[in-house]
Amino acid sequence: MWPPRDAGRGTPADHEEMERSYGVVWKEGSREAVAGKLELLPRLLRLEGLESTREVPYESVAAIRVGRAASDRINGGPSVVVERNLSDPITIATVAQPSVVGEIAERLAALRLGAQTSRRLVVIVPLKPNAHSSVSRLLKQGPPFDPRAIEGLDRHEVYLTSDEAVFVFESHLGSDALAPLLSDPKLWEAVSAWGEHVAGPPRIAEESFSWSRGESADDVSFLPTPGPGDSDGGDIY
């Protein structure tokens, strides 16, 4: 077997991603608020204070919302609440301009969506004519390598068509972390048992479209609405 083609190629978005920092105050759960800096990096958000730093990968973010309740506000100002899968939520408020909260929420939502769509890598192996039945029998014994031996691999599936075997790999580390590993010839030497059934080199499938059901950002405003007694606007929603 040959290593998959294009496995080491990075995505243009990796190079085009712009980083920006904000002066913020944040708190984890019910802990005391900390003043510092928020950086939105390509793979994670970083909160840096005088005595502590927090890094939150976008893959670990369960939801992003703008704080509506009084308990979500910091010093009376609007906030962005970052809900995490396994940890307390992080509430973030800006230091100078409350209206920037909307910008932060929108950027975080886009970065989280990008992280979700980049966790999957699809490898297509072309099969020789009439190889479907033989390959199906081989797959009943498991894939041609041990998925548990691949560090960072969370999920693995194989689909068969009449002329292709489609290997799907998912990792919380992202597809970029899997691609170099899957291009390692040592890994694909284990597929040598399939040699008589394989018609050519494996190739990486390019993701062209992705959709998931969720709250559409087009239907939600992250900007403050005017309200009495609040010079920066009323509730954020």
C-alpha atoms as a PDB file:
ATOM      1  CA  MET A   1       0.000   0.000   0.000  1.00  0.00           C
ATOM      2  CA  TRP A   2       1.050   3.588  -0.588  1.00  0.00           C
ATOM      3  CA  PRO A   3       0.580   6.376   1.973  1.00  0.00           C
ATOM      4  CA  PRO A   4      -2.417   8.620   1.278  1.00  0.00           C
ATOM      5  CA  ARG A   5      -1.733  11.505  -1.059  1.00  0.00           C
ATOM      6  CA  ASP A   6      -2.078  15.084   0.174  1.00  0.00           C
ATOM      7  CA  ALA A   7      -1.935  13.920   3.807  1.00  0.00           C
ATOM      8  CA  GLY A   8       0.556  16.571   4.813  1.00  0.00           C
ATOM      9  CA  ARG A   9      -1.174  19.463   3.096  1.00  0.00           C
ATOM     10  CA  GLY A  10      -2.443  22.178   5.426  1.00  0.00           C
ATOM     11  CA  THR A  11      -5.700  24.009   4.933  1.00  0.00           C
ATOM     12  CA  PRO A  12      -5.659  27.607   3.688  1.00  0.00           C
ATOM     13  CA  ALA A  13      -7.710  28.640   6.694  1.00  0.00           C
ATOM     14  CA  ASP A  14      -4.763  27.757   8.960  1.00  0.00           C
ATOM     15  CA  HIS A  15      -2.707  30.489   7.325  1.00  0.00           C
ATOM     16  CA  GLU A  16      -5.492  32.992   6.870  1.00  0.00           C
ATOM     17  CA  GLU A  17      -6.745  32.816  10.462  1.00  0.00           C
ATOM     18  CA  MET A  18      -6.281  36.194  12.100  1.00  0.00           C
ATOM     19  CA  GLU A  19      -5.464  36.440  15.790  1.00  0.00           C
ATOM     20  CA  ARG A  20      -6.755  39.229  17.975  1.00  0.00           C
ATOM     21  CA  SER A  21      -6.563  40.032  21.667  1.00  0.00           C
ATOM     22  CA  TYR A  22      -9.047  41.821  23.917  1.00  0.00           C
ATOM     23  CA  GLY A  23      -8.803  43.341  27.381  1.00  0.00           C
ATOM     24  CA  VAL A  24     -11.292  41.336  29.450  1.00  0.00           C
ATOM     25  CA  VAL A  25     -12.445  40.258  32.873  1.00  0.00           C
ATOM     26  CA  TRP A  26     -13.377  36.586  33.232  1.00  0.00           C
ATOM     27  CA  LYS A  27     -14.425  34.050  35.816  1.00  0.00           C
ATOM     28  CA  GLU A  28     -14.760  30.280  35.943  1.00  0.00           C
ATOM     29  CA  GLY A  29     -17.997  29.088  37.452  1.00  0.00           C
ATOM     30  CA  SER A  30     -18.528  30.887  40.756  1.00  0.00           C
ATOM     31  CA  ARG A  31     -14.865  31.802  41.251  1.00  0.00           C
ATOM     32  CA  GLU A  32     -13.717  35.394  41.591  1.00  0.00           C
ATOM     33  CA  ALA A  33     -13.287  37.463  38.450  1.00  0.00           C
ATOM     34  CA  VAL A  34      -9.812  37.879  36.969  1.00  0.00           C
ATOM     35  CA  ALA A  35      -8.631  40.793  34.826  1.00  0.00           C
ATOM     36  CA  GLY A  36      -6.398  40.088  31.852  1.00  0.00           C
ATOM     37  CA  LYS A  37      -6.291  39.424  28.141  1.00  0.00           C
ATOM     38  CA  LEU A  38      -8.297  37.200  25.798  1.00  0.00           C
ATOM     39  CA  GLU A  39      -6.608  35.834  22.679  1.00  0.00           C
ATOM     40  CA  LEU A  40      -8.597  34.033  19.967  1.00  0.00           C
ATOM     41  CA  LEU A  41      -6.038  31.685  18.421  1.00  0.00           C
ATOM     42  CA  PRO A  42      -6.615  29.301  15.504  1.00  0.00           C
ATOM     43  CA  ARG A  43      -7.039  26.225  17.744  1.00  0.00           C
ATOM     44  CA  LEU A  44      -7.995  27.596  21.135  1.00  0.00           C
ATOM     45  CA  LEU A  45      -8.875  30.636  23.192  1.00  0.00           C
ATOM     46  CA  ARG A  46      -6.342  31.805  25.763  1.00  0.00           C
ATOM     47  CA  LEU A  47      -7.151  33.849  28.848  1.00  0.00           C
ATOM     48  CA  GLU A  48      -4.067  35.354  30.450  1.00  0.00           C
ATOM     49  CA  GLY A  49      -4.048  37.119  33.824  1.00  0.00           C
ATOM     50  CA  LEU A  50      -1.290  38.223  36.179  1.00  0.00           C
ATOM     51  CA  GLU A  51      -1.297  34.977  38.133  1.00  0.00           C
ATOM     52  CA  SER A  52      -3.170  32.497  35.972  1.00  0.00           C
ATOM     53  CA  THR A  53      -3.641  31.413  32.368  1.00  0.00           C
ATOM     54  CA  ARG A  54      -6.416  29.318  30.859  1.00  0.00           C
ATOM     55  CA  GLU A  55      -6.373  27.660  27.450  1.00  0.00           C
ATOM     56  CA  VAL A  56      -9.616  26.249  26.091  1.00  0.00           C
ATOM     57  CA  PRO A  57      -9.520  24.241  22.827  1.00  0.00           C
ATOM     58  CA  TYR A  58     -12.532  24.997  20.655  1.00  0.00           C
ATOM     59  CA  GLU A  59     -13.236  21.259  20.432  1.00  0.00           C
ATOM     60  CA  SER A  60     -13.965  21.226  24.186  1.00  0.00           C
ATOM     61  CA  VAL A  61     -16.582  23.997  23.951  1.00  0.00           C
ATOM     62  CA  ALA A  62     -20.148  22.710  24.246  1.00  0.00           C
ATOM     63  CA  ALA A  63     -21.927  26.007  23.578  1.00  0.00           C
ATOM     64  CA  ILE A  64     -21.404  29.758  23.313  1.00  0.00           C
ATOM     65  CA  ARG A  65     -24.070  32.192  24.446  1.00  0.00           C
ATOM     66  CA  VAL A  66     -24.438  35.818  25.374  1.00  0.00           C
ATOM     67  CA  GLY A  67     -25.305  36.213  29.065  1.00  0.00           C
ATOM     68  CA  ARG A  68     -28.907  37.367  29.551  1.00  0.00           C
ATOM     69  CA  ALA A  69     -29.389  36.931  33.292  1.00  0.00           C
ATOM     70  CA  ALA A  70     -28.012  39.237  35.946  1.00  0.00           C
ATOM     71  CA  SER A  71     -25.867  36.360  37.213  1.00  0.00           C
ATOM     72  CA  ASP A  72     -24.118  36.231  33.830  1.00  0.00           C
ATOM     73  CA  ARG A  73     -23.009  39.856  33.977  1.00  0.00           C
ATOM     74  CA  ILE A  74     -19.658  40.977  35.340  1.00  0.00           C
ATOM     75  CA  ASN A  75     -19.599  44.392  37.015  1.00  0.00           C
ATOM     76  CA  GLY A  76     -23.044  44.953  35.546  1.00  0.00           C
ATOM     77  CA  GLY A  77     -21.826  44.629  31.963  1.00  0.00           C
ATOM     78  CA  PRO A  78     -22.765  42.116  29.243  1.00  0.00           C
ATOM     79  CA  SER A  79     -20.756  38.937  28.861  1.00  0.00           C
ATOM     80  CA  VAL A  80     -20.050  35.921  26.677  1.00  0.00           C
ATOM     81  CA  VAL A  81     -20.581  32.576  28.421  1.00  0.00           C
ATOM     82  CA  VAL A  82     -18.416  29.715  27.146  1.00  0.00           C
ATOM     83  CA  GLU A  83     -19.980  26.409  28.195  1.00  0.00           C
ATOM     84  CA  ARG A  84     -17.446  23.567  28.383  1.00  0.00           C
ATOM     85  CA  ASN A  85     -17.996  19.815  28.077  1.00  0.00           C
ATOM     86  CA  LEU A  86     -16.180  18.731  31.236  1.00  0.00           C
ATOM     87  CA  SER A  87     -15.479  21.915  33.198  1.00  0.00           C
ATOM     88  CA  ASP A  88     -17.202  24.932  34.682  1.00  0.00           C
ATOM     89  CA  PRO A  89     -18.388  27.577  32.219  1.00  0.00           C
ATOM     90  CA  ILE A  90     -16.211  30.621  31.651  1.00  0.00           C
ATOM     91  CA  THR A  91     -17.897  34.039  31.657  1.00  0.00           C
ATOM     92  CA  ILE A  92     -16.057  36.784  29.771  1.00  0.00           C
ATOM     93  CA  ALA A  93     -16.726  40.540  29.798  1.00  0.00           C
ATOM     94  CA  THR A  94     -14.765  43.267  28.040  1.00  0.00           C
ATOM     95  CA  VAL A  95     -12.970  45.981  29.983  1.00  0.00           C
ATOM     96  CA  ALA A  96     -13.613  49.062  27.855  1.00  0.00           C
ATOM     97  CA  GLN A  97     -16.345  48.532  25.248  1.00  0.00           C
ATOM     98  CA  PRO A  98     -19.326  46.331  26.168  1.00  0.00           C
ATOM     99  CA  SER A  99     -20.409  46.366  22.528  1.00  0.00           C
ATOM    100  CA  VAL A 100     -17.327  44.302  21.637  1.00  0.00           C
ATOM    101  CA  VAL A 101     -18.986  41.360  23.393  1.00  0.00           C
ATOM    102  CA  GLY A 102     -20.991  40.762  20.221  1.00  0.00           C
ATOM    103  CA  GLU A 103     -17.840  40.601  18.118  1.00  0.00           C
ATOM    104  CA  ILE A 104     -16.218  38.125  20.515  1.00  0.00           C
ATOM    105  CA  ALA A 105     -19.307  35.908  20.519  1.00  0.00           C
ATOM    106  CA  GLU A 106     -19.483  35.828  16.728  1.00  0.00           C
ATOM    107  CA  ARG A 107     -15.775  35.049  16.334  1.00  0.00           C
ATOM    108  CA  LEU A 108     -15.909  32.314  18.970  1.00  0.00           C
ATOM    109  CA  ALA A 109     -18.933  30.731  17.291  1.00  0.00           C
ATOM    110  CA  ALA A 110     -17.143  30.695  13.929  1.00  0.00           C
ATOM    111  CA  LEU A 111     -13.925  29.268  15.409  1.00  0.00           C
ATOM    112  CA  ARG A 112     -15.851  26.565  17.270  1.00  0.00           C
ATOM    113  CA  LEU A 113     -17.700  25.577  14.105  1.00  0.00           C
ATOM    114  CA  GLY A 114     -14.403  25.416  12.220  1.00  0.00           C
ATOM    115  CA  ALA A 115     -12.924  23.166  14.911  1.00  0.00           C
ATOM    116  CA  GLN A 116     -15.900  20.814  14.740  1.00  0.00           C
ATOM    117  CA  THR A 117     -15.704  20.386  10.989  1.00  0.00           C
ATOM    118  CA  SER A 118     -11.954  19.712  11.020  1.00  0.00           C
ATOM    119  CA  ARG A 119     -12.007  16.737  13.397  1.00  0.00           C
ATOM    120  CA  ARG A 120     -12.741  14.213  10.656  1.00  0.00           C
ATOM    121  CA  LEU A 121     -10.394  12.770   8.065  1.00  0.00           C
ATOM    122  CA  VAL A 122     -11.641  10.536   5.252  1.00  0.00           C
ATOM    123  CA  VAL A 123      -9.326   8.182   3.361  1.00  0.00           C
ATOM    124  CA  ILE A 124     -10.594   6.486   0.200  1.00  0.00           C
ATOM    125  CA  VAL A 125      -9.036   3.201  -0.944  1.00  0.00           C
ATOM    126  CA  PRO A 126      -9.949   2.133  -4.517  1.00  0.00           C
ATOM    127  CA  LEU A 127     -10.786  -1.555  -4.902  1.00  0.00           C
ATOM    128  CA  LYS A 128     -10.386  -3.916  -7.796  1.00  0.00           C
ATOM    129  CA  PRO A 129     -13.493  -5.158  -9.608  1.00  0.00           C
ATOM    130  CA  ASN A 130     -15.359  -7.904  -7.737  1.00  0.00           C
ATOM    131  CA  ALA A 131     -13.335  -7.282  -4.559  1.00  0.00           C
ATOM    132  CA  HIS A 132     -16.314  -6.112  -2.488  1.00  0.00           C
ATOM    133  CA  SER A 133     -17.225  -9.522  -1.032  1.00  0.00           C
ATOM    134  CA  SER A 134     -13.643 -10.357  -0.086  1.00  0.00           C
ATOM    135  CA  VAL A 135     -13.021  -6.980   1.534  1.00  0.00           C
ATOM    136  CA  SER A 136     -16.320  -7.234   3.395  1.00  0.00           C
ATOM    137  CA  ARG A 137     -15.197 -10.540   4.877  1.00  0.00           C
ATOM    138  CA  LEU A 138     -11.857  -9.019   5.881  1.00  0.00           C
ATOM    139  CA  LEU A 139     -13.572  -6.088   7.591  1.00  0.00           C
ATOM    140  CA  LYS A 140     -15.701  -8.420   9.689  1.00  0.00           C
ATOM    141  CA  GLN A 141     -12.406  -9.310  11.387  1.00  0.00           C
ATOM    142  CA  GLY A 142     -11.709  -5.629  11.991  1.00  0.00           C
ATOM    143  CA  PRO A 143      -9.796  -2.924  10.091  1.00  0.00           C
ATOM    144  CA  PRO A 144      -6.307  -3.713   8.711  1.00  0.00           C
ATOM    145  CA  PHE A 145      -4.678  -2.004  11.740  1.00  0.00           C
ATOM    146  CA  ASP A 146      -5.449  -1.557  15.433  1.00  0.00           C
ATOM    147  CA  PRO A 147      -7.380   1.731  15.942  1.00  0.00           C
ATOM    148  CA  ARG A 148      -6.472   1.696  19.637  1.00  0.00           C
ATOM    149  CA  ALA A 149      -2.817   1.992  18.695  1.00  0.00           C
ATOM    150  CA  ILE A 150      -3.363   5.357  16.973  1.00  0.00           C
ATOM    151  CA  GLU A 151      -2.835   8.071  19.557  1.00  0.00           C
ATOM    152  CA  GLY A 152      -5.558  10.710  19.572  1.00  0.00           C
ATOM    153  CA  LEU A 153      -7.997   8.642  17.489  1.00  0.00           C
ATOM    154  CA  ASP A 154     -11.503   8.862  18.994  1.00  0.00           C
ATOM    155  CA  ARG A 155     -13.619   7.112  16.391  1.00  0.00           C
ATOM    156  CA  HIS A 156     -13.047   4.988  13.306  1.00  0.00           C
ATOM    157  CA  GLU A 157     -15.491   3.648  10.735  1.00  0.00           C
ATOM    158  CA  VAL A 158     -15.173   1.940   7.361  1.00  0.00           C
ATOM    159  CA  TYR A 159     -17.760   2.078   4.570  1.00  0.00           C
ATOM    160  CA  LEU A 160     -17.804  -0.071   1.444  1.00  0.00           C
ATOM    161  CA  THR A 161     -19.070   0.679  -2.034  1.00  0.00           C
ATOM    162  CA  SER A 162     -18.773  -1.568  -5.057  1.00  0.00           C
ATOM    163  CA  ASP A 163     -15.353  -0.159  -5.900  1.00  0.00           C
ATOM    164  CA  GLU A 164     -14.064   1.721  -2.814  1.00  0.00           C
ATOM    165  CA  ALA A 165     -13.356   1.318   0.889  1.00  0.00           C
ATOM    166  CA  VAL A 166     -13.900   4.568   2.784  1.00  0.00           C
ATOM    167  CA  PHE A 167     -11.990   4.918   6.061  1.00  0.00           C
ATOM    168  CA  VAL A 168     -13.316   7.632   8.414  1.00  0.00           C
ATOM    169  CA  PHE A 169     -11.093   8.838  11.259  1.00  0.00           C
ATOM    170  CA  GLU A 170     -12.194  11.271  13.970  1.00  0.00           C
ATOM    171  CA  SER A 171      -9.927  12.879  16.551  1.00  0.00           C
ATOM    172  CA  HIS A 172     -10.354  15.616  19.142  1.00  0.00           C
ATOM    173  CA  LEU A 173      -6.876  16.743  18.076  1.00  0.00           C
ATOM    174  CA  GLY A 174      -8.195  17.657  14.628  1.00  0.00           C
ATOM    175  CA  SER A 175      -7.597  16.288  11.153  1.00  0.00           C
ATOM    176  CA  ASP A 176      -4.233  18.053  10.892  1.00  0.00           C
ATOM    177  CA  ALA A 177      -2.958  15.900  13.764  1.00  0.00           C
ATOM    178  CA  LEU A 178      -4.159  12.703  12.052  1.00  0.00           C
ATOM    179  CA  ALA A 179      -2.901  13.475   8.552  1.00  0.00           C
ATOM    180  CA  PRO A 180       0.856  13.091   9.240  1.00  0.00           C
ATOM    181  CA  LEU A 181       0.201   9.855  11.111  1.00  0.00           C
ATOM    182  CA  LEU A 182      -1.881   8.409   8.304  1.00  0.00           C
ATOM    183  CA  SER A 183       0.813   9.314   5.796  1.00  0.00           C
ATOM    184  CA  ASP A 184       3.333   7.148   7.694  1.00  0.00           C
ATOM    185  CA  PRO A 185       4.232   4.166   5.442  1.00  0.00           C
ATOM    186  CA  LYS A 186       4.607   1.930   8.522  1.00  0.00           C
ATOM    187  CA  LEU A 187       0.911   2.284   9.271  1.00  0.00           C
ATOM    188  CA  TRP A 188      -0.150   1.320   5.780  1.00  0.00           C
ATOM    189  CA  GLU A 189       2.236  -1.642   5.646  1.00  0.00           C
ATOM    190  CA  ALA A 190      -0.373  -3.310   7.834  1.00  0.00           C
ATOM    191  CA  VAL A 191      -2.788  -3.062   4.921  1.00  0.00           C
ATOM    192  CA  SER A 192      -0.586  -5.326   2.824  1.00  0.00           C
ATOM    193  CA  ALA A 193      -3.051  -8.175   3.419  1.00  0.00           C
ATOM    194  CA  TRP A 194      -5.437  -6.204   1.245  1.00  0.00           C
ATOM    195  CA  GLY A 195      -2.908  -5.970  -1.588  1.00  0.00           C
ATOM    196  CA  GLU A 196      -4.703  -8.320  -3.954  1.00  0.00           C
ATOM    197  CA  HIS A 197      -7.903  -6.308  -3.580  1.00  0.00           C
ATOM    198  CA  VAL A 198      -6.543  -2.745  -3.842  1.00  0.00           C
ATOM    199  CA  ALA A 199      -6.598  -1.009  -7.231  1.00  0.00           C
ATOM    200  CA  GLY A 200      -4.435   2.022  -6.433  1.00  0.00           C
ATOM    201  CA  PRO A 201      -3.062   4.410  -3.815  1.00  0.00           C
ATOM    202  CA  PRO A 202      -5.325   5.722  -1.041  1.00  0.00           C
ATOM    203  CA  ARG A 203      -6.297   9.374  -1.259  1.00  0.00           C
ATOM    204  CA  ILE A 204      -7.580  11.980   1.163  1.00  0.00           C
ATOM    205  CA  ALA A 205     -11.134  13.191   0.524  1.00  0.00           C
ATOM    206  CA  GLU A 206     -11.598  16.949   0.539  1.00  0.00           C
ATOM    207  CA  GLU A 207     -14.448  18.282   2.665  1.00  0.00           C
ATOM    208  CA  SER A 208     -16.545  20.517   0.419  1.00  0.00           C
ATOM    209  CA  PHE A 209     -19.704  20.977   2.476  1.00  0.00           C
ATOM    210  CA  SER A 210     -20.772  20.491   6.087  1.00  0.00           C
ATOM    211  CA  TRP A 211     -24.085  21.101   7.842  1.00  0.00           C
ATOM    212  CA  SER A 212     -25.262  20.538  11.412  1.00  0.00           C
ATOM    213  CA  ARG A 213     -28.510  21.425  13.112  1.00  0.00           C
ATOM    214  CA  GLY A 214     -28.163  24.255  15.595  1.00  0.00           C
ATOM    215  CA  GLU A 215     -29.092  27.818  16.338  1.00  0.00           C
ATOM    216  CA  SER A 216     -28.332  29.935  13.311  1.00  0.00           C
ATOM    217  CA  ALA A 217     -26.168  32.956  13.940  1.00  0.00           C
ATOM    218  CA  ASP A 218     -28.212  34.802  11.312  1.00  0.00           C
ATOM    219  CA  ASP A 219     -31.251  34.605  13.579  1.00  0.00           C
ATOM    220  CA  VAL A 220     -29.507  35.834  16.709  1.00  0.00           C
ATOM    221  CA  SER A 221     -28.280  39.339  17.441  1.00  0.00           C
ATOM    222  CA  PHE A 222     -25.176  39.653  19.582  1.00  0.00           C
ATOM    223  CA  LEU A 223     -25.409  43.442  19.752  1.00  0.00           C
ATOM    224  CA  PRO A 224     -26.869  45.529  22.585  1.00  0.00           C
ATOM    225  CA  THR A 225     -30.351  46.950  22.219  1.00  0.00           C
ATOM    226  CA  PRO A 226     -31.068  50.425  23.578  1.00  0.00           C
ATOM    227  CA  GLY A 227     -32.646  50.468  27.001  1.00  0.00           C
ATOM    228  CA  PRO A 228     -33.368  53.021  29.700  1.00  0.00           C
ATOM    229  CA  GLY A 229     -30.715  53.430  32.343  1.00  0.00           C
ATOM    230  CA  ASP A 230     -28.024  51.687  30.325  1.00  0.00           C
ATOM    231  CA  SER A 231     -25.829  53.956  28.228  1.00  0.00           C
ATOM    232  CA  ASP A 232     -24.316  50.964  26.454  1.00  0.00           C
ATOM    233  CA  GLY A 233     -27.661  49.445  25.604  1.00  0.00           C
ATOM    234  CA  GLY A 234     -30.081  47.081  27.240  1.00  0.00           C
ATOM    235  CA  ASP A 235     -29.981  43.322  27.506  1.00  0.00           C
ATOM    236  CA  ILE A 236     -27.789  41.339  25.170  1.00  0.00           C
ATOM    237  CA  TYR A 237     -29.573  38.552  23.341  1.00  0.00           C
END
